[in-house]
Amino acid sequence: MKNNVRVIREYKKISQTKLAELAGISRPGLSTIENGHKQASLDTAWKIANALNVTVDDVFFNQNVRLVIQGTEHSDKITASS
């Protein structure tokens, strides 16, 4: 299953190791999800999206993602839009 984990993670300059730590999952597990070799459970999808500060929809369902920075200099929240 194609997803936007890598795109968003790299945009935010977060390593796989750091994202896995923030999401509370293993790095190899994150890698298999990121590469589309395994689908994330709903719980894991929520953890990844939460760690990236985006929605589950942004990460796993919006395949025409365009990253947009929103907010102030203190916010690096991104959203995905078609």
PDB file of N, CA and C in Angstrom:
ATOM      1  N   MET A   1       0.849  -1.182   0.000  1.00  0.00           N
ATOM      2  CA  MET A   1       0.000   0.000   0.000  1.00  0.00           C
ATOM      3  C   MET A   1       0.888   1.238   0.000  1.00  0.00           C
ATOM      4  N   LYS A   2       0.708   2.082  -0.983  1.00  0.00           N
ATOM      5  CA  LYS A   2       1.473   3.320  -1.075  1.00  0.00           C
ATOM      6  C   LYS A   2       1.003   4.282   0.016  1.00  0.00           C
ATOM      7  N   ASN A   3       1.967   4.979   0.615  1.00  0.00           N
ATOM      8  CA  ASN A   3       1.629   5.952   1.651  1.00  0.00           C
ATOM      9  C   ASN A   3       2.606   7.117   1.581  1.00  0.00           C
ATOM     10  N   ASN A   4       2.380   8.118   2.400  1.00  0.00           N
ATOM     11  CA  ASN A   4       3.191   9.329   2.399  1.00  0.00           C
ATOM     12  C   ASN A   4       4.133   9.416   3.591  1.00  0.00           C
ATOM     13  N   VAL A   5       4.378   8.313   4.273  1.00  0.00           N
ATOM     14  CA  VAL A   5       5.224   8.345   5.470  1.00  0.00           C
ATOM     15  C   VAL A   5       6.595   8.919   5.132  1.00  0.00           C
ATOM     16  N   ARG A   6       7.247   8.366   4.131  1.00  0.00           N
ATOM     17  CA  ARG A   6       8.609   8.818   3.797  1.00  0.00           C
ATOM     18  C   ARG A   6       8.622  10.286   3.371  1.00  0.00           C
ATOM     19  N   VAL A   7       7.671  10.682   2.519  1.00  0.00           N
ATOM     20  CA  VAL A   7       7.621  12.064   2.033  1.00  0.00           C
ATOM     21  C   VAL A   7       7.514  13.037   3.198  1.00  0.00           C
ATOM     22  N   ILE A   8       6.591  12.778   4.105  1.00  0.00           N
ATOM     23  CA  ILE A   8       6.383  13.680   5.235  1.00  0.00           C
ATOM     24  C   ILE A   8       7.564  13.609   6.197  1.00  0.00           C
ATOM     25  N   ARG A   9       8.063  12.405   6.454  1.00  0.00           N
ATOM     26  CA  ARG A   9       9.197  12.243   7.377  1.00  0.00           C
ATOM     27  C   ARG A   9      10.420  12.994   6.865  1.00  0.00           C
ATOM     28  N   GLU A  10      10.732  12.833   5.592  1.00  0.00           N
ATOM     29  CA  GLU A  10      11.897  13.514   5.030  1.00  0.00           C
ATOM     30  C   GLU A  10      11.691  15.024   4.979  1.00  0.00           C
ATOM     31  N   TYR A  11      10.468  15.459   4.667  1.00  0.00           N
ATOM     32  CA  TYR A  11      10.157  16.887   4.653  1.00  0.00           C
ATOM     33  C   TYR A  11      10.408  17.508   6.024  1.00  0.00           C
ATOM     34  N   LYS A  12      10.064  16.769   7.060  1.00  0.00           N
ATOM     35  CA  LYS A  12      10.242  17.252   8.432  1.00  0.00           C
ATOM     36  C   LYS A  12      11.644  16.974   8.969  1.00  0.00           C
ATOM     37  N   LYS A  13      12.487  16.358   8.116  1.00  0.00           N
ATOM     38  CA  LYS A  13      13.878  16.066   8.485  1.00  0.00           C
ATOM     39  C   LYS A  13      13.975  15.195   9.742  1.00  0.00           C
ATOM     40  N   ILE A  14      13.166  14.141   9.745  1.00  0.00           N
ATOM     41  CA  ILE A  14      13.154  13.187  10.854  1.00  0.00           C
ATOM     42  C   ILE A  14      13.689  11.857  10.325  1.00  0.00           C
ATOM     43  N   SER A  15      14.608  11.258  11.037  1.00  0.00           N
ATOM     44  CA  SER A  15      15.135   9.953  10.631  1.00  0.00           C
ATOM     45  C   SER A  15      14.096   8.869  10.912  1.00  0.00           C
ATOM     46  N   GLN A  16      14.260   7.726  10.261  1.00  0.00           N
ATOM     47  CA  GLN A  16      13.381   6.589  10.548  1.00  0.00           C
ATOM     48  C   GLN A  16      13.490   6.199  12.012  1.00  0.00           C
ATOM     49  N   THR A  17      14.702   6.195  12.529  1.00  0.00           N
ATOM     50  CA  THR A  17      14.919   5.811  13.925  1.00  0.00           C
ATOM     51  C   THR A  17      14.168   6.743  14.864  1.00  0.00           C
ATOM     52  N   LYS A  18      14.254   8.053  14.618  1.00  0.00           N
ATOM     53  CA  LYS A  18      13.587   9.033  15.480  1.00  0.00           C
ATOM     54  C   LYS A  18      12.070   8.909  15.366  1.00  0.00           C
ATOM     55  N   LEU A  19      11.554   8.755  14.141  1.00  0.00           N
ATOM     56  CA  LEU A  19      10.106   8.616  13.968  1.00  0.00           C
ATOM     57  C   LEU A  19       9.603   7.361  14.661  1.00  0.00           C
ATOM     58  N   ALA A  20      10.321   6.263  14.519  1.00  0.00           N
ATOM     59  CA  ALA A  20       9.925   5.022  15.190  1.00  0.00           C
ATOM     60  C   ALA A  20       9.880   5.233  16.697  1.00  0.00           C
ATOM     61  N   GLU A  21      10.875   5.930  17.222  1.00  0.00           N
ATOM     62  CA  GLU A  21      10.917   6.220  18.658  1.00  0.00           C
ATOM     63  C   GLU A  21       9.730   7.091  19.069  1.00  0.00           C
ATOM     64  N   LEU A  22       9.455   8.150  18.310  1.00  0.00           N
ATOM     65  CA  LEU A  22       8.334   9.045  18.623  1.00  0.00           C
ATOM     66  C   LEU A  22       6.989   8.321  18.546  1.00  0.00           C
ATOM     67  N   ALA A  23       6.875   7.387  17.599  1.00  0.00           N
ATOM     68  CA  ALA A  23       5.623   6.650  17.408  1.00  0.00           C
ATOM     69  C   ALA A  23       5.504   5.436  18.325  1.00  0.00           C
ATOM     70  N   GLY A  24       6.606   5.049  18.954  1.00  0.00           N
ATOM     71  CA  GLY A  24       6.572   3.888  19.840  1.00  0.00           C
ATOM     72  C   GLY A  24       6.485   2.566  19.096  1.00  0.00           C
ATOM     73  N   ILE A  25       7.111   2.520  17.918  1.00  0.00           N
ATOM     74  CA  ILE A  25       7.146   1.284  17.138  1.00  0.00           C
ATOM     75  C   ILE A  25       8.602   0.979  16.781  1.00  0.00           C
ATOM     76  N   SER A  26       8.857  -0.224  16.279  1.00  0.00           N
ATOM     77  CA  SER A  26      10.234  -0.577  15.922  1.00  0.00           C
ATOM     78  C   SER A  26      10.630   0.095  14.609  1.00  0.00           C
ATOM     79  N   ARG A  27      11.919   0.346  14.440  1.00  0.00           N
ATOM     80  CA  ARG A  27      12.406   0.935  13.193  1.00  0.00           C
ATOM     81  C   ARG A  27      12.201  -0.017  12.017  1.00  0.00           C
ATOM     82  N   PRO A  28      12.493  -1.324  12.175  1.00  0.00           N
ATOM     83  CA  PRO A  28      12.207  -2.236  11.056  1.00  0.00           C
ATOM     84  C   PRO A  28      10.711  -2.277  10.699  1.00  0.00           C
ATOM     85  N   GLY A  29       9.854  -2.197  11.704  1.00  0.00           N
ATOM     86  CA  GLY A  29       8.414  -2.170  11.451  1.00  0.00           C
ATOM     87  C   GLY A  29       8.010  -0.926  10.676  1.00  0.00           C
ATOM     88  N   LEU A  30       8.566   0.215  11.073  1.00  0.00           N
ATOM     89  CA  LEU A  30       8.295   1.463  10.359  1.00  0.00           C
ATOM     90  C   LEU A  30       8.778   1.360   8.918  1.00  0.00           C
ATOM     91  N   SER A  31       9.956   0.794   8.727  1.00  0.00           N
ATOM     92  CA  SER A  31      10.522   0.654   7.385  1.00  0.00           C
ATOM     93  C   SER A  31       9.619  -0.174   6.478  1.00  0.00           C
ATOM     94  N   THR A  32       9.086  -1.278   6.983  1.00  0.00           N
ATOM     95  CA  THR A  32       8.218  -2.121   6.150  1.00  0.00           C
ATOM     96  C   THR A  32       6.924  -1.397   5.787  1.00  0.00           C
ATOM     97  N   ILE A  33       6.417  -0.573   6.703  1.00  0.00           N
ATOM     98  CA  ILE A  33       5.209   0.217   6.419  1.00  0.00           C
ATOM     99  C   ILE A  33       5.544   1.314   5.417  1.00  0.00           C
ATOM    100  N   GLU A  34       6.636   2.028   5.669  1.00  0.00           N
ATOM    101  CA  GLU A  34       7.057   3.132   4.809  1.00  0.00           C
ATOM    102  C   GLU A  34       7.292   2.669   3.376  1.00  0.00           C
ATOM    103  N   ASN A  35       7.844   1.481   3.215  1.00  0.00           N
ATOM    104  CA  ASN A  35       8.135   0.948   1.887  1.00  0.00           C
ATOM    105  C   ASN A  35       6.954   0.230   1.246  1.00  0.00           C
ATOM    106  N   GLY A  36       5.826   0.179   1.942  1.00  0.00           N
ATOM    107  CA  GLY A  36       4.620  -0.418   1.387  1.00  0.00           C
ATOM    108  C   GLY A  36       4.590  -1.930   1.403  1.00  0.00           C
ATOM    109  N   HIS A  37       5.501  -2.549   2.158  1.00  0.00           N
ATOM    110  CA  HIS A  37       5.531  -4.011   2.228  1.00  0.00           C
ATOM    111  C   HIS A  37       4.527  -4.562   3.237  1.00  0.00           C
ATOM    112  N   LYS A  38       4.037  -3.697   4.116  1.00  0.00           N
ATOM    113  CA  LYS A  38       3.084  -4.107   5.151  1.00  0.00           C
ATOM    114  C   LYS A  38       2.144  -2.940   5.414  1.00  0.00           C
ATOM    115  N   GLN A  39       0.871  -3.252   5.640  1.00  0.00           N
ATOM    116  CA  GLN A  39      -0.093  -2.221   6.001  1.00  0.00           C
ATOM    117  C   GLN A  39      -0.025  -1.977   7.500  1.00  0.00           C
ATOM    118  N   ALA A  40      -0.148  -0.728   7.882  1.00  0.00           N
ATOM    119  CA  ALA A  40      -0.173  -0.383   9.298  1.00  0.00           C
ATOM    120  C   ALA A  40      -1.545  -0.699   9.875  1.00  0.00           C
ATOM    121  N   SER A  41      -1.564  -1.186  11.109  1.00  0.00           N
ATOM    122  CA  SER A  41      -2.841  -1.337  11.813  1.00  0.00           C
ATOM    123  C   SER A  41      -3.373   0.066  12.084  1.00  0.00           C
ATOM    124  N   LEU A  42      -4.631   0.170  12.433  1.00  0.00           N
ATOM    125  CA  LEU A  42      -5.213   1.474  12.741  1.00  0.00           C
ATOM    126  C   LEU A  42      -4.452   2.142  13.884  1.00  0.00           C
ATOM    127  N   ASP A  43      -4.111   1.374  14.906  1.00  0.00           N
ATOM    128  CA  ASP A  43      -3.374   1.906  16.046  1.00  0.00           C
ATOM    129  C   ASP A  43      -2.001   2.431  15.620  1.00  0.00           C
ATOM    130  N   THR A  44      -1.290   1.667  14.813  1.00  0.00           N
ATOM    131  CA  THR A  44       0.034   2.075  14.350  1.00  0.00           C
ATOM    132  C   THR A  44      -0.066   3.273  13.412  1.00  0.00           C
ATOM    133  N   ALA A  45      -1.072   3.296  12.546  1.00  0.00           N
ATOM    134  CA  ALA A  45      -1.277   4.436  11.648  1.00  0.00           C
ATOM    135  C   ALA A  45      -1.488   5.706  12.460  1.00  0.00           C
ATOM    136  N   TRP A  46      -2.283   5.621  13.509  1.00  0.00           N
ATOM    137  CA  TRP A  46      -2.527   6.779  14.368  1.00  0.00           C
ATOM    138  C   TRP A  46      -1.234   7.224  15.044  1.00  0.00           C
ATOM    139  N   LYS A  47      -0.440   6.273  15.526  1.00  0.00           N
ATOM    140  CA  LYS A  47       0.822   6.609  16.196  1.00  0.00           C
ATOM    141  C   LYS A  47       1.782   7.323  15.246  1.00  0.00           C
ATOM    142  N   ILE A  48       1.884   6.837  14.017  1.00  0.00           N
ATOM    143  CA  ILE A  48       2.779   7.457  13.033  1.00  0.00           C
ATOM    144  C   ILE A  48       2.297   8.865  12.693  1.00  0.00           C
ATOM    145  N   ALA A  49       1.011   8.995  12.400  1.00  0.00           N
ATOM    146  CA  ALA A  49       0.461  10.311  12.064  1.00  0.00           C
ATOM    147  C   ALA A  49       0.632  11.286  13.222  1.00  0.00           C
ATOM    148  N   ASN A  50       0.365  10.830  14.429  1.00  0.00           N
ATOM    149  CA  ASN A  50       0.504  11.681  15.607  1.00  0.00           C
ATOM    150  C   ASN A  50       1.959  12.127  15.779  1.00  0.00           C
ATOM    151  N   ALA A  51       2.899  11.216  15.586  1.00  0.00           N
ATOM    152  CA  ALA A  51       4.321  11.545  15.716  1.00  0.00           C
ATOM    153  C   ALA A  51       4.755  12.555  14.655  1.00  0.00           C
ATOM    154  N   LEU A  52       4.121  12.513  13.484  1.00  0.00           N
ATOM    155  CA  LEU A  52       4.436  13.456  12.409  1.00  0.00           C
ATOM    156  C   LEU A  52       3.620  14.743  12.499  1.00  0.00           C
ATOM    157  N   ASN A  53       2.668  14.796  13.424  1.00  0.00           N
ATOM    158  CA  ASN A  53       1.801  15.959  13.626  1.00  0.00           C
ATOM    159  C   ASN A  53       0.930  16.235  12.391  1.00  0.00           C
ATOM    160  N   VAL A  54       0.410  15.157  11.800  1.00  0.00           N
ATOM    161  CA  VAL A  54      -0.510  15.242  10.671  1.00  0.00           C
ATOM    162  C   VAL A  54      -1.646  14.246  10.916  1.00  0.00           C
ATOM    163  N   THR A  55      -2.611  14.203  10.017  1.00  0.00           N
ATOM    164  CA  THR A  55      -3.721  13.265  10.177  1.00  0.00           C
ATOM    165  C   THR A  55      -3.387  11.913   9.545  1.00  0.00           C
ATOM    166  N   VAL A  56      -4.097  10.893   9.975  1.00  0.00           N
ATOM    167  CA  VAL A  56      -3.961   9.565   9.367  1.00  0.00           C
ATOM    168  C   VAL A  56      -4.290   9.665   7.879  1.00  0.00           C
ATOM    169  N   ASP A  57      -5.289  10.444   7.536  1.00  0.00           N
ATOM    170  CA  ASP A  57      -5.674  10.636   6.141  1.00  0.00           C
ATOM    171  C   ASP A  57      -4.514  11.210   5.334  1.00  0.00           C
ATOM    172  N   ASP A  58      -3.817  12.215   5.891  1.00  0.00           N
ATOM    173  CA  ASP A  58      -2.666  12.806   5.199  1.00  0.00           C
ATOM    174  C   ASP A  58      -1.609  11.758   4.894  1.00  0.00           C
ATOM    175  N   VAL A  59      -1.362  10.879   5.832  1.00  0.00           N
ATOM    176  CA  VAL A  59      -0.277   9.905   5.705  1.00  0.00           C
ATOM    177  C   VAL A  59      -0.661   8.716   4.830  1.00  0.00           C
ATOM    178  N   PHE A  60      -1.861   8.200   4.994  1.00  0.00           N
ATOM    179  CA  PHE A  60      -2.185   6.916   4.369  1.00  0.00           C
ATOM    180  C   PHE A  60      -3.214   6.949   3.244  1.00  0.00           C
ATOM    181  N   PHE A  61      -3.994   8.009   3.103  1.00  0.00           N
ATOM    182  CA  PHE A  61      -5.067   7.968   2.118  1.00  0.00           C
ATOM    183  C   PHE A  61      -4.994   9.031   1.040  1.00  0.00           C
ATOM    184  N   ASN A  62      -4.306  10.122   1.259  1.00  0.00           N
ATOM    185  CA  ASN A  62      -4.205  11.180   0.265  1.00  0.00           C
ATOM    186  C   ASN A  62      -2.984  10.920  -0.605  1.00  0.00           C
ATOM    187  N   GLN A  63      -3.188  10.315  -1.760  1.00  0.00           N
ATOM    188  CA  GLN A  63      -2.068   9.939  -2.622  1.00  0.00           C
ATOM    189  C   GLN A  63      -1.599  11.073  -3.532  1.00  0.00           C
ATOM    190  N   ASN A  64      -2.313  12.166  -3.579  1.00  0.00           N
ATOM    191  CA  ASN A  64      -1.906  13.328  -4.371  1.00  0.00           C
ATOM    192  C   ASN A  64      -1.468  14.439  -3.433  1.00  0.00           C
ATOM    193  N   VAL A  65      -0.573  14.084  -2.548  1.00  0.00           N
ATOM    194  CA  VAL A  65      -0.205  15.004  -1.476  1.00  0.00           C
ATOM    195  C   VAL A  65       0.699  16.124  -1.981  1.00  0.00           C
ATOM    196  N   ARG A  66       0.404  17.313  -1.516  1.00  0.00           N
ATOM    197  CA  ARG A  66       1.275  18.465  -1.714  1.00  0.00           C
ATOM    198  C   ARG A  66       1.461  19.062  -0.330  1.00  0.00           C
ATOM    199  N   LEU A  67       2.678  19.140   0.108  1.00  0.00           N
ATOM    200  CA  LEU A  67       2.940  19.598   1.459  1.00  0.00           C
ATOM    201  C   LEU A  67       2.886  21.112   1.518  1.00  0.00           C
ATOM    202  N   VAL A  68       2.209  21.604   2.530  1.00  0.00           N
ATOM    203  CA  VAL A  68       2.071  23.033   2.729  1.00  0.00           C
ATOM    204  C   VAL A  68       2.419  23.334   4.174  1.00  0.00           C
ATOM    205  N   ILE A  69       3.309  24.268   4.374  1.00  0.00           N
ATOM    206  CA  ILE A  69       3.643  24.677   5.735  1.00  0.00           C
ATOM    207  C   ILE A  69       2.586  25.665   6.186  1.00  0.00           C
ATOM    208  N   GLN A  70       2.054  25.429   7.371  1.00  0.00           N
ATOM    209  CA  GLN A  70       1.052  26.321   7.933  1.00  0.00           C
ATOM    210  C   GLN A  70       1.512  26.819   9.285  1.00  0.00           C
ATOM    211  N   GLY A  71       1.058  27.991   9.650  1.00  0.00           N
ATOM    212  CA  GLY A  71       1.300  28.485  10.996  1.00  0.00           C
ATOM    213  C   GLY A  71       2.452  29.454  11.069  1.00  0.00           C
ATOM    214  N   THR A  72       2.939  29.617  12.286  1.00  0.00           N
ATOM    215  CA  THR A  72       3.975  30.589  12.573  1.00  0.00           C
ATOM    216  C   THR A  72       5.339  29.948  12.546  1.00  0.00           C
ATOM    217  N   GLU A  73       6.344  30.742  12.846  1.00  0.00           N
ATOM    218  CA  GLU A  73       7.716  30.236  12.899  1.00  0.00           C
ATOM    219  C   GLU A  73       7.880  29.165  13.963  1.00  0.00           C
ATOM    220  N   HIS A  74       6.954  29.100  14.913  1.00  0.00           N
ATOM    221  CA  HIS A  74       7.022  28.114  15.991  1.00  0.00           C
ATOM    222  C   HIS A  74       6.267  26.837  15.646  1.00  0.00           C
ATOM    223  N   SER A  75       5.674  26.804  14.462  1.00  0.00           N
ATOM    224  CA  SER A  75       4.881  25.639  14.072  1.00  0.00           C
ATOM    225  C   SER A  75       5.412  25.063  12.774  1.00  0.00           C
ATOM    226  N   ASP A  76       5.654  23.769  12.770  1.00  0.00           N
ATOM    227  CA  ASP A  76       6.044  23.117  11.526  1.00  0.00           C
ATOM    228  C   ASP A  76       4.966  22.132  11.101  1.00  0.00           C
ATOM    229  N   LYS A  77       3.722  22.407  11.510  1.00  0.00           N
ATOM    230  CA  LYS A  77       2.604  21.543  11.129  1.00  0.00           C
ATOM    231  C   LYS A  77       2.414  21.619   9.625  1.00  0.00           C
ATOM    232  N   ILE A  78       2.240  20.484   9.016  1.00  0.00           N
ATOM    233  CA  ILE A  78       1.970  20.453   7.589  1.00  0.00           C
ATOM    234  C   ILE A  78       0.643  19.769   7.358  1.00  0.00           C
ATOM    235  N   THR A  79       0.027  20.115   6.271  1.00  0.00           N
ATOM    236  CA  THR A  79      -1.195  19.437   5.869  1.00  0.00           C
ATOM    237  C   THR A  79      -1.014  18.974   4.441  1.00  0.00           C
ATOM    238  N   ALA A  80      -1.811  18.060   4.037  1.00  0.00           N
ATOM    239  CA  ALA A  80      -1.758  17.559   2.675  1.00  0.00           C
ATOM    240  C   ALA A  80      -3.005  18.017   1.955  1.00  0.00           C
ATOM    241  N   SER A  81      -2.826  18.454   0.730  1.00  0.00           N
ATOM    242  CA  SER A  81      -3.981  18.829  -0.064  1.00  0.00           C
ATOM    243  C   SER A  81      -3.767  18.370  -1.489  1.00  0.00           C
ATOM    244  N   SER A  82      -4.862  18.135  -2.178  1.00  0.00           N
ATOM    245  CA  SER A  82      -4.786  17.656  -3.565  1.00  0.00           C
ATOM    246  C   SER A  82      -4.527  18.815  -4.486  1.00  0.00           C
TER     247      SER A  82
END
